[in-house]
Protein backbone atom coordinates (compact mmCIF):
# COMPACT_ATOMS: atom_id res chain seq x y z
CA MET A 1 -16.47 -18.88 38.31
CA ALA A 2 -19.80 -18.69 40.52
CA GLY A 3 -18.37 -22.17 42.33
CA THR A 4 -15.17 -19.98 42.98
CA LEU A 5 -16.24 -17.37 44.72
CA GLU A 6 -16.74 -19.30 47.93
CA PRO A 7 -12.88 -19.30 48.82
CA TYR A 8 -12.88 -15.78 48.34
CA LEU A 9 -15.75 -14.75 50.64
CA ASP A 10 -12.98 -16.23 53.60
CA GLU A 11 -10.92 -12.43 54.71
CA ARG A 12 -7.66 -15.43 54.72
CA SER A 13 -8.06 -16.06 50.65
CA THR A 14 -5.73 -15.07 48.55
CA ILE A 15 -6.91 -14.04 44.72
CA SER A 16 -5.73 -13.46 41.45
CA VAL A 17 -5.29 -10.07 39.55
CA ASP A 18 -7.49 -11.93 36.98
CA ASP A 19 -10.16 -13.42 39.33
CA TRP A 20 -9.73 -9.66 40.83
CA LYS A 21 -11.21 -7.76 37.61
CA TYR A 22 -13.65 -10.53 36.64
CA LEU A 23 -15.65 -10.10 40.05
CA LEU A 24 -15.04 -6.35 39.76
CA GLY A 25 -16.53 -6.29 36.56
CA LEU A 26 -19.25 -8.77 37.15
CA GLY A 27 -20.29 -7.40 40.24
CA LEU A 28 -20.23 -4.12 39.35
CA PHE A 29 -20.64 -4.03 35.77
CA ALA A 30 -22.21 -6.82 34.56
CA LEU A 31 -19.28 -7.62 32.84
CA ASP A 32 -19.01 -11.60 32.29
CA ARG A 33 -15.37 -12.33 31.12
CA VAL A 34 -11.78 -10.44 31.34
CA ALA A 35 -11.13 -8.55 28.08
CA GLU A 36 -7.75 -10.44 26.48
CA SER A 37 -4.66 -8.12 25.34
CA GLY A 38 -5.48 -6.34 21.91
CA GLU A 39 -8.88 -7.36 22.20
CA LYS A 40 -10.19 -3.93 22.35
CA ALA A 41 -13.11 -5.02 24.93
CA ILE A 42 -14.90 -3.42 27.68
CA SER A 43 -12.11 -2.96 30.58
CA PRO A 44 -13.85 -3.25 34.64
CA ARG A 45 -10.72 -0.76 35.37
CA THR A 46 -11.73 1.77 32.80
CA LEU A 47 -15.24 1.91 33.46
CA LEU A 48 -14.28 2.06 37.31
CA SER A 49 -11.95 5.32 36.44
CA TYR A 50 -15.32 7.09 34.74
CA VAL A 51 -17.01 6.73 38.50
CA ILE A 52 -14.32 7.36 40.38
CA ARG A 53 -12.03 10.67 39.22
CA THR A 54 -9.30 11.40 40.27
CA ASP A 55 -8.40 13.92 37.77
CA ALA A 56 -10.70 16.76 36.32
CA VAL A 57 -9.92 16.00 32.33
CA LYS A 58 -11.39 18.64 30.11
CA ASP A 59 -13.17 16.49 28.04
CA PRO A 60 -15.76 14.58 30.36
CA LEU A 61 -15.96 11.97 27.54
CA LYS A 62 -12.56 10.41 28.34
CA ILE A 63 -10.79 9.56 31.96
CA ILE A 64 -7.51 10.80 31.02
CA PRO A 65 -6.32 12.71 27.66
CA GLN A 66 -4.23 10.23 26.10
CA GLN A 67 -6.84 7.69 26.00
CA PRO A 68 -7.76 6.63 22.75
CA ALA A 69 -10.73 7.67 20.93
CA TRP A 70 -12.16 3.57 20.66
CA SER A 71 -11.60 3.24 24.58
CA SER A 72 -14.07 6.48 25.27
CA ARG A 73 -16.24 5.78 22.54
CA GLU A 74 -16.36 1.76 23.29
CA HIS A 75 -16.66 2.62 27.43
CA VAL A 76 -19.23 5.85 27.37
CA ALA A 77 -21.46 3.56 25.17
CA TYR A 78 -21.74 0.85 27.54
CA LEU A 79 -22.14 3.24 30.36
CA LEU A 80 -25.09 5.04 27.94
CA ASN A 81 -26.60 0.63 27.41
CA LEU A 82 -25.24 1.23 23.55
CA ASN A 83 -24.34 -1.50 21.42
CA TRP A 84 -20.40 -1.43 22.52
CA GLU A 85 -19.60 -4.31 20.52
CA LEU A 86 -20.38 -2.59 17.34
CA VAL A 87 -17.66 0.37 18.56
CA ARG A 88 -15.34 -2.23 19.16
CA ASN A 89 -15.51 -4.41 15.54
CA LEU A 90 -15.57 -0.99 13.54
CA SER A 91 -11.88 -0.46 15.95
CA LEU A 92 -10.60 -3.50 14.96
CA LEU A 93 -11.60 -3.02 11.29
CA GLU A 94 -9.74 0.20 11.01
CA GLU A 95 -7.01 -1.62 12.65
CA GLU A 96 -6.71 -3.67 10.20
CA ALA A 97 -7.59 -1.63 7.17
CA GLU A 98 -4.72 0.66 8.18
CA THR A 99 -2.62 -2.44 8.31
CA TYR A 100 -3.45 -3.26 4.77
CA LYS A 101 -2.76 0.29 3.53
CA ALA A 102 0.31 0.49 5.18
CA ILE A 103 1.24 -2.59 3.29
CA ALA A 104 -0.37 -1.31 0.08
CA LYS A 105 1.43 1.37 0.26
CA ALA A 106 4.90 -0.06 1.38
CA THR A 107 4.21 -3.03 -1.78
CA THR A 108 3.82 0.45 -4.55
CA LYS A 109 7.27 1.68 -3.13
CA ASN A 110 8.97 -1.18 -3.69
CA LEU A 111 9.90 -1.59 0.06
CA LEU A 112 8.86 -5.25 0.45
CA PRO A 113 11.09 -6.78 -1.35
CA THR A 114 8.98 -9.99 -1.33
CA LEU A 115 5.99 -7.79 -2.49
CA ARG A 116 6.03 -5.39 -5.50
CA PRO A 117 2.99 -3.85 -7.56
CA GLU A 118 0.75 -6.44 -9.59
CA PRO A 119 1.56 -5.38 -13.40
CA GLU A 120 5.45 -5.74 -12.11
CA LEU A 121 5.02 -8.76 -11.07
CA MET A 122 3.13 -9.80 -14.03
CA LEU A 123 5.49 -9.08 -16.66
CA GLU A 124 8.11 -10.88 -14.57
CA LEU A 125 5.52 -13.89 -14.04
CA ALA A 126 5.46 -13.90 -18.31
CA GLU A 127 9.06 -13.26 -18.77
CA ALA A 128 10.29 -16.30 -16.19
CA GLN A 129 7.18 -18.88 -17.25
CA ARG A 130 9.03 -18.51 -21.42
CA GLU A 131 12.04 -19.20 -19.69
CA LEU A 132 11.07 -22.17 -17.92
CA ASP A 133 9.41 -23.32 -20.89
CA GLU A 134 11.83 -22.96 -23.19
CA LEU A 135 14.04 -24.73 -20.76
CA LYS A 136 11.74 -28.04 -20.59
CA ALA A 137 11.46 -27.76 -24.03
CA ARG A 138 15.40 -28.20 -24.11
CA VAL A 139 15.21 -30.79 -21.30
CA SER A 140 12.46 -32.93 -23.33
CA GLY A 141 14.44 -33.20 -26.61
CA PHE A 142 17.86 -33.55 -25.24
CA ARG A 143 19.78 -36.40 -27.05
CA VAL A 144 23.35 -37.15 -27.94
CA VAL A 145 25.27 -36.44 -30.55
CA ASP A 146 28.06 -38.36 -32.11
CA ASP A 147 29.99 -35.22 -33.73
CA PRO A 148 29.13 -32.67 -32.28
CA GLN A 149 32.30 -31.16 -33.27
CA GLY A 150 31.20 -31.60 -37.04
CA LEU A 151 28.32 -29.78 -37.08
CA ILE A 152 29.97 -26.69 -34.79
CA THR A 153 32.62 -27.12 -38.30
CA ARG A 154 29.19 -26.82 -40.88
CA ALA A 155 27.57 -24.53 -38.70
CA ASP A 156 30.86 -21.70 -39.08
CA ARG A 157 31.09 -22.71 -42.69
CA ILE A 158 27.67 -21.52 -43.30
CA THR A 159 28.50 -18.77 -40.93
CA GLU A 160 30.68 -17.59 -42.98
CA GLU A 161 29.22 -18.14 -46.40
CA LEU A 162 26.06 -15.88 -45.06
CA LYS A 163 28.20 -12.94 -43.96
CA GLU A 164 30.08 -12.99 -47.62
CA LEU A 165 26.56 -13.08 -48.69
CA ARG A 166 25.27 -10.14 -46.07
CA ASN A 167 28.27 -7.78 -47.59
CA ASP A 168 27.83 -8.55 -51.06
CA ALA A 169 23.48 -7.44 -50.44
CA VAL A 170 24.67 -3.95 -48.85
CA VAL A 171 27.00 -3.64 -52.34
CA ASP A 172 23.93 -4.33 -54.13
CA ARG A 173 21.29 -2.35 -52.25
CA ARG A 174 23.51 0.91 -51.82
CA MET A 175 24.21 0.69 -55.86
CA ILE A 176 20.29 0.52 -56.38
CA GLU A 177 19.91 3.60 -54.29
CA LEU A 178 22.19 5.53 -56.45
CA TYR A 179 20.80 4.11 -59.73
CA SER A 180 17.42 4.85 -58.87
CA ALA A 181 17.99 8.26 -57.60
CA SER A 182 20.02 8.98 -61.23
CA LEU A 183 17.07 8.20 -62.80
CA GLU A 184 14.24 10.51 -60.58
CA GLU A 185 16.43 13.07 -61.37
CA GLU A 186 16.23 12.95 -65.22
CA PRO A 187 13.98 15.58 -66.53
CA GLU A 188 10.65 14.23 -68.14
CA ALA A 189 11.18 13.46 -71.71
CA SER A 190 8.16 16.24 -72.77
CA SER A 191 9.27 18.75 -70.34
CA ALA A 192 13.11 18.89 -72.11
CA GLN A 193 11.27 18.79 -75.60
CA VAL A 194 9.25 22.01 -74.62
CA GLN A 195 12.55 23.90 -73.40
CA VAL A 196 14.60 23.10 -76.55
CA ALA A 197 11.65 24.51 -78.88
CA ASP A 198 11.64 27.34 -76.89
CA LEU A 199 15.19 27.63 -76.90
CA TYR A 200 15.13 27.42 -80.93
CA ALA A 201 12.59 29.90 -80.95
CA GLU A 202 14.91 32.24 -79.54
CA MET A 203 17.55 31.46 -81.55
CA GLN A 204 16.38 31.95 -84.83
CA ARG A 205 16.53 36.04 -84.32
CA ALA A 206 19.41 35.42 -83.12
CA PHE A 207 22.01 33.01 -85.15
CA THR A 208 22.64 31.80 -88.75
CA PRO A 209 20.62 28.46 -90.30
CA ALA A 210 23.64 26.93 -90.37
CA ALA A 211 24.50 27.77 -87.17
CA LEU A 212 20.68 26.03 -85.90
CA ALA A 213 21.24 23.01 -87.93
CA ASN A 214 24.94 22.26 -85.92
CA LEU A 215 22.61 22.80 -82.70
CA GLU A 216 20.27 20.62 -84.03
CA THR A 217 22.66 17.88 -84.81
CA VAL A 218 24.03 18.55 -80.79
CA THR A 219 20.78 18.13 -79.60
CA GLU A 220 19.53 15.30 -81.13
CA PHE A 221 22.95 13.01 -80.10
CA HIS A 222 22.46 14.36 -76.43
CA GLN A 223 18.81 12.60 -76.42
CA GLN A 224 20.32 9.83 -77.92
CA LEU A 225 23.24 9.83 -75.32
CA MET A 226 20.25 10.49 -72.41
CA GLY A 227 17.87 7.68 -74.04
CA ASN A 228 21.07 5.47 -73.71
CA ARG A 229 21.61 5.83 -70.38
CA ARG A 230 18.58 5.43 -69.52
CA ARG A 231 18.19 1.96 -70.79
CA PHE A 232 21.78 1.57 -69.16
CA LEU A 233 19.99 2.70 -66.05
CA SER A 234 17.15 0.46 -66.26
CA SER A 235 18.68 -2.28 -67.33
CA GLU A 236 21.31 -2.44 -64.26
CA LEU A 237 18.40 -1.85 -61.99
CA GLU A 238 16.58 -5.25 -62.90
CA ARG A 239 19.78 -7.00 -62.59
CA LEU A 240 20.78 -5.85 -59.55
CA ARG A 241 17.32 -6.52 -58.30
CA ASN A 242 16.96 -9.99 -59.43
CA GLN A 243 20.93 -10.87 -58.25
CA GLN A 244 19.42 -9.33 -54.83
CA SER A 245 16.12 -11.83 -54.88
CA ALA A 246 18.28 -14.78 -56.00
CA ARG A 247 20.66 -13.67 -52.87
CA GLU A 248 18.08 -13.77 -50.15
CA ASN A 249 16.59 -16.79 -51.02
CA ARG A 250 20.19 -18.60 -50.72
CA ILE A 251 20.81 -16.66 -47.39
CA LYS A 252 17.01 -18.01 -46.21
CA GLU A 253 18.14 -21.47 -47.12
CA LEU A 254 21.37 -21.42 -45.52
CA MET A 255 19.57 -19.64 -42.42
CA GLU A 256 17.49 -22.99 -41.85
CA ALA A 257 20.63 -25.29 -42.93
CA ARG A 258 22.21 -23.47 -39.65
CA ASN A 259 19.26 -23.40 -37.29
CA SER A 260 18.91 -26.59 -37.88
CA ILE A 261 22.17 -27.73 -37.00
CA LEU A 262 22.21 -25.39 -34.27
CA ALA A 263 19.38 -26.92 -33.01
CA VAL A 264 20.75 -30.38 -32.75
CA ILE A 265 23.74 -29.24 -31.05
CA ASP A 266 21.92 -27.25 -28.97
CA ALA A 267 18.96 -30.08 -27.92
CA GLY A 268 22.81 -32.89 -27.41
CA GLY A 269 25.52 -33.34 -25.50
CA ALA A 270 26.61 -35.08 -22.69
CA LEU A 271 25.17 -36.42 -19.26
CA GLU A 272 26.10 -33.70 -17.33
CA GLU A 273 24.81 -31.20 -19.64
CA LEU A 274 21.38 -33.12 -19.37
CA SER A 275 22.13 -32.32 -15.30
CA ALA A 276 23.33 -28.96 -15.97
CA LEU A 277 20.15 -27.90 -17.88
CA GLN A 278 18.02 -29.88 -15.49
CA ALA A 279 19.36 -27.79 -12.26
CA GLU A 280 18.79 -24.80 -14.49
CA GLU A 281 14.97 -25.83 -15.19
CA ASN A 282 14.56 -26.16 -11.73
CA ARG A 283 15.73 -22.62 -10.63
CA ALA A 284 13.41 -21.38 -13.11
CA ALA A 285 10.56 -23.55 -12.20
CA ALA A 286 11.19 -22.15 -8.13
CA LYS A 287 11.26 -18.22 -9.20
CA VAL A 288 7.72 -18.47 -11.11
CA ALA A 289 6.27 -20.32 -7.88
CA GLU A 290 7.96 -17.67 -6.46
CA ILE A 291 6.21 -14.56 -8.26
CA GLU A 292 3.28 -16.46 -8.33
CA THR A 293 3.49 -16.86 -4.39
CA ALA A 294 4.36 -12.56 -4.20
CA LEU A 295 0.87 -12.07 -6.79
CA ALA A 296 -1.25 -13.99 -5.08
CA THR A 297 -0.50 -12.58 -1.51
CA VAL A 298 -0.56 -8.98 -3.58
CA ARG A 299 -4.19 -10.18 -4.94
CA ASP A 300 -4.67 -11.52 -1.44
CA VAL A 301 -4.13 -8.33 0.26
CA ALA A 302 -5.96 -5.75 -2.34
CA GLN A 303 -9.38 -8.48 -1.58
CA ALA A 304 -8.85 -7.74 2.37
CA GLN A 305 -8.88 -4.24 1.86
CA GLU A 306 -12.09 -4.61 -0.38
CA ASP A 307 -13.24 -7.27 2.21
CA VAL A 308 -12.97 -4.47 5.07
CA ARG A 309 -14.25 -1.76 3.41
CA LEU A 310 -17.55 -3.38 2.33
CA LYS A 311 -17.38 -5.09 6.38
CA ARG A 312 -17.02 -1.82 7.31
CA ALA A 313 -19.88 -0.33 5.42
CA GLN A 314 -22.19 -2.91 6.56
CA LEU A 315 -21.15 -2.40 10.34
CA ARG A 316 -21.94 1.42 9.52
CA THR A 317 -25.21 0.62 8.56
CA GLU A 318 -26.08 -1.62 11.57
CA THR A 319 -24.30 1.23 14.11
CA VAL A 320 -26.98 3.52 12.64
CA ARG A 321 -29.76 1.24 13.34
CA ASP A 322 -28.83 0.90 16.84
CA LEU A 323 -28.29 4.27 17.00
CA ASN A 324 -31.60 5.40 15.81
CA ALA A 325 -33.14 2.13 17.70
CA SER A 326 -31.96 4.03 20.98
CA ARG A 327 -32.86 8.16 20.02
CA ARG A 328 -34.90 8.46 22.63
CA LYS A 329 -33.38 7.32 25.43
CA LEU A 330 -29.79 9.45 23.93
CA ASP A 331 -32.50 12.81 23.82
CA SER A 332 -33.40 11.78 27.48
CA VAL A 333 -29.93 11.45 28.58
CA ALA A 334 -29.46 15.34 26.59
CA ALA A 335 -32.08 16.80 28.55
CA ARG A 336 -31.01 15.82 31.62
CA PHE A 337 -27.26 16.95 31.09
CA ASP A 338 -29.41 20.16 29.41
CA HIS A 339 -31.06 20.81 32.79
CA MET A 340 -28.00 20.50 34.97
CA MET A 341 -26.24 23.08 33.03
CA GLN A 342 -29.39 25.25 33.67
CA GLU A 343 -29.06 24.83 36.96
CA LEU A 344 -25.65 25.47 37.19
CA TYR A 345 -24.71 27.95 34.80
CA GLY A 346 -28.27 29.13 33.19
CA VAL A 347 -26.49 28.09 29.60
CA GLY A 348 -28.04 25.05 27.02
CA GLY A 349 -25.76 22.10 27.41
CA VAL A 350 -25.78 18.97 24.64
CA LEU A 351 -24.93 15.84 24.47
CA THR A 352 -24.90 14.48 20.34
CA ALA A 353 -24.15 11.18 18.93
CA GLU A 354 -23.55 10.35 15.56
CA VAL A 355 -21.86 7.20 13.56
CA ASP A 356 -18.40 7.28 11.73
CA ASP A 357 -16.00 4.66 10.56
CA LEU A 358 -15.11 4.37 14.43
CA GLY A 359 -18.68 3.43 15.51
CA TYR A 360 -20.28 6.25 17.84
CA LYS A 361 -19.23 9.91 18.14
CA PHE A 362 -20.25 11.57 21.54
CA THR A 363 -19.94 15.59 21.75
CA LEU A 364 -20.49 17.59 24.91
CA LYS A 365 -20.80 21.23 24.25
CA VAL A 366 -22.45 24.16 26.10
CA SER A 367 -23.24 27.56 25.05
CA THR A 368 -20.54 29.46 26.76
CA SER A 369 -16.78 30.05 27.11
CA ALA A 370 -14.67 26.99 27.98
CA SER A 371 -13.39 28.16 31.27
CA GLY A 372 -11.86 26.02 34.27
CA GLY A 373 -14.61 26.54 36.09
CA VAL A 374 -17.16 25.68 33.70
CA THR A 375 -15.32 22.62 32.16
CA ARG A 376 -15.41 20.95 35.76
CA MET A 377 -18.72 22.09 35.96
CA GLN A 378 -19.36 20.42 33.04
CA LEU A 379 -17.55 17.11 33.50
CA LEU A 380 -20.04 17.24 36.92
CA CYS A 381 -23.23 17.87 35.18
CA PHE A 382 -21.82 14.52 32.61
CA ASP A 383 -20.93 11.92 35.87
CA LEU A 384 -24.29 12.80 37.33
CA THR A 385 -26.47 12.26 34.39
CA LEU A 386 -24.28 8.96 33.84
CA LEU A 387 -25.77 8.44 37.86
CA ALA A 388 -29.19 9.32 37.37
CA GLU A 389 -29.22 7.35 33.92
CA GLY A 390 -27.58 4.10 35.02
CA VAL A 391 -29.41 3.64 38.48
CA GLY A 392 -31.63 0.20 38.03
CA THR A 393 -29.52 -0.91 34.94
CA LYS A 394 -27.01 -3.48 35.33
CA HIS A 395 -23.96 -0.88 33.57
CA HIS A 396 -23.55 1.58 35.97
CA PRO A 397 -22.56 0.71 39.34
CA GLY A 398 -24.98 3.27 41.26
CA PHE A 399 -22.02 5.26 42.79
CA LEU A 400 -20.12 7.79 41.71
CA ILE A 401 -16.60 9.38 43.34
CA HIS A 402 -15.25 12.54 43.35
CA ASP A 403 -11.44 14.11 44.07
CA SER A 404 -12.02 17.22 45.28
CA VAL A 405 -9.66 18.34 42.47
CA VAL A 406 -13.13 18.12 39.53
CA PHE A 407 -14.39 21.82 42.37
CA ASP A 408 -10.70 23.33 41.98
CA GLY A 409 -11.50 27.10 40.31
CA VAL A 410 -14.86 26.65 40.57
CA ASP A 411 -16.44 29.96 42.00
CA PRO A 412 -18.06 29.01 45.53
CA ARG A 413 -21.53 30.40 43.81
CA GLN A 414 -21.20 27.26 41.34
CA VAL A 415 -19.61 24.75 43.62
CA ALA A 416 -22.55 25.45 46.32
CA ALA A 417 -24.99 25.08 43.33
CA GLY A 418 -23.41 21.58 42.21
CA LEU A 419 -23.21 20.44 45.90
CA ASN A 420 -27.13 21.11 46.17
CA LEU A 421 -27.38 19.81 42.13
CA ILE A 422 -25.64 16.35 43.61
CA LYS A 423 -28.16 15.87 46.85
CA ASP A 424 -31.11 16.21 44.32
CA THR A 425 -29.52 13.98 41.78
CA VAL A 426 -28.62 11.27 44.66
CA GLN A 427 -32.13 11.92 46.78
CA GLN A 428 -34.29 11.08 43.33
CA SER A 429 -32.12 8.31 42.13
CA GLY A 430 -31.41 6.84 45.55
CA ALA A 431 -27.72 6.56 43.90
CA GLN A 432 -24.56 7.01 45.86
CA TYR A 433 -21.93 10.00 45.76
CA ILE A 434 -18.85 10.48 47.63
CA CYS A 435 -16.07 13.55 47.34
CA THR A 436 -13.25 14.31 49.29
CA MET A 437 -12.91 17.64 49.62
CA ASN A 438 -11.19 20.36 52.54
CA ASN A 439 -13.57 21.96 54.75
CA ASN A 440 -12.57 25.20 53.23
CA ASP A 441 -13.71 24.94 49.77
CA VAL A 442 -16.98 24.40 51.15
CA PRO A 443 -19.29 27.39 50.85
CA ALA A 444 -20.34 28.46 54.33
CA SER A 445 -24.10 28.04 53.12
CA ILE A 446 -23.59 24.49 52.44
CA ARG A 447 -21.74 23.97 55.85
CA ASP A 448 -24.29 24.55 57.87
CA GLN A 449 -27.00 23.01 55.73
CA LYS A 450 -28.71 19.57 57.97
CA TRP A 451 -28.32 17.61 54.73
CA PHE A 452 -25.00 18.23 54.27
CA GLN A 453 -23.21 17.29 57.71
CA GLN A 454 -25.81 14.19 58.14
CA GLY A 455 -23.89 13.45 54.63
CA THR A 456 -20.47 13.75 55.74
CA ARG A 457 -19.29 10.12 56.83
CA ARG A 458 -15.63 10.49 57.93
CA THR A 459 -13.50 13.75 58.98
CA VAL A 460 -9.83 13.68 58.29
CA LEU A 461 -8.68 15.91 60.57
CA ASP A 462 -5.10 17.19 59.83
CA THR A 463 -3.64 17.24 63.49
CA GLU A 464 -2.15 14.03 65.98
CA GLU A 465 -5.55 13.23 66.27
CA GLY A 466 -6.36 12.87 62.50
CA GLY A 467 -6.38 9.81 60.37
CA ILE A 468 -7.50 7.72 57.98
CA LEU A 469 -8.53 4.36 57.02
CA GLY A 470 -7.52 3.43 60.30
CA THR A 471 -4.03 5.12 59.91
CA ARG A 472 -2.93 7.56 62.00
CA PHE A 473 -0.53 10.13 61.35
């Protein structure tokens, strides 16, 4: 770039916007390159807005109310000669983290068709892989069958026989349940004998011996009948269970035979059937690959989130170390700002710095109500502090320009105190201060001062003789 400076010294030459921004940054703030779009780097134009105030913002740390936090922090850090790149890197990581967080949220809520939660993808992959393995096995075992129709007929006959056997099994199972229930409902023999003995003891008091003899005959017949019934049920249960066991063995044999026939039928067929089977295998393989890709992406996003957290923690630690190393410098800046606020309002003011996820976090506070005048004088003191502390460094151009709006709504006594403070700061630091102010806004006590009259470089009159920058109006 140095070799291209010669042409720009000629008043008749032209300069591109990018070169002009480069030259402003290099000459005023020692910036050796122009920030690219989206880079979140230092901008010469933004830095100039901190030394050329055309608007009295409530927050002196910003140039406009809508300025992003990363921008104000980054440029204030640069003007304070701190490592502004830490702020930029943390801001980029924050932006990256928000992007991954949005992707993860969209994945969880199934808002992205190609990305779904990992457990859901794992289940889909297992199912798709199982289907693919089955298709591969069928393709590898495919062979032509000579008589497929005969195999199908045999399989149908076996199926019909299986159907009949299963129906018979249902009937037998029901009969076994009924016979088992009947046996369980009969009273125990010992219990029945006790009941009969008790009954006889009672009947001897009411019936004749002949009647009791007939009752004993009936009781013996009943017991014999119940015993025969139990023996019948037991033998029937044994027969049915044996029959059921034999039927199950037969069903098993028939199932194996049918499965063998179906396997032969399933594994064989014509050439077009093999082609269709291979096409189905290819589709299944593509589905597996698609799910694997989605699963890898979800895992990559999760890993990237962890990497961002780790990098942010490391950068925060580095930023804290840099801040601690600059504490003496920051304490000097804070003390100067406090002294200026004491000069103007007799109240204390603090400028503090701490570290959060976006890097340096600067705060300005004064121990008084935030009226319009106090807010503007707080802005004046902050800018004068940066001017005084930046003189002799490459991070500040050594001048400060204020529009008269900086003094709007300020009590005339504070305006006079502010102008005196400006005079003292400029004299002590050797810097330059420019302010555009109406003559009737300057307090009389300042207007008559010799230093003010000598410091007035241009007077623009609102008359026919008036003019500015060589233009009459």
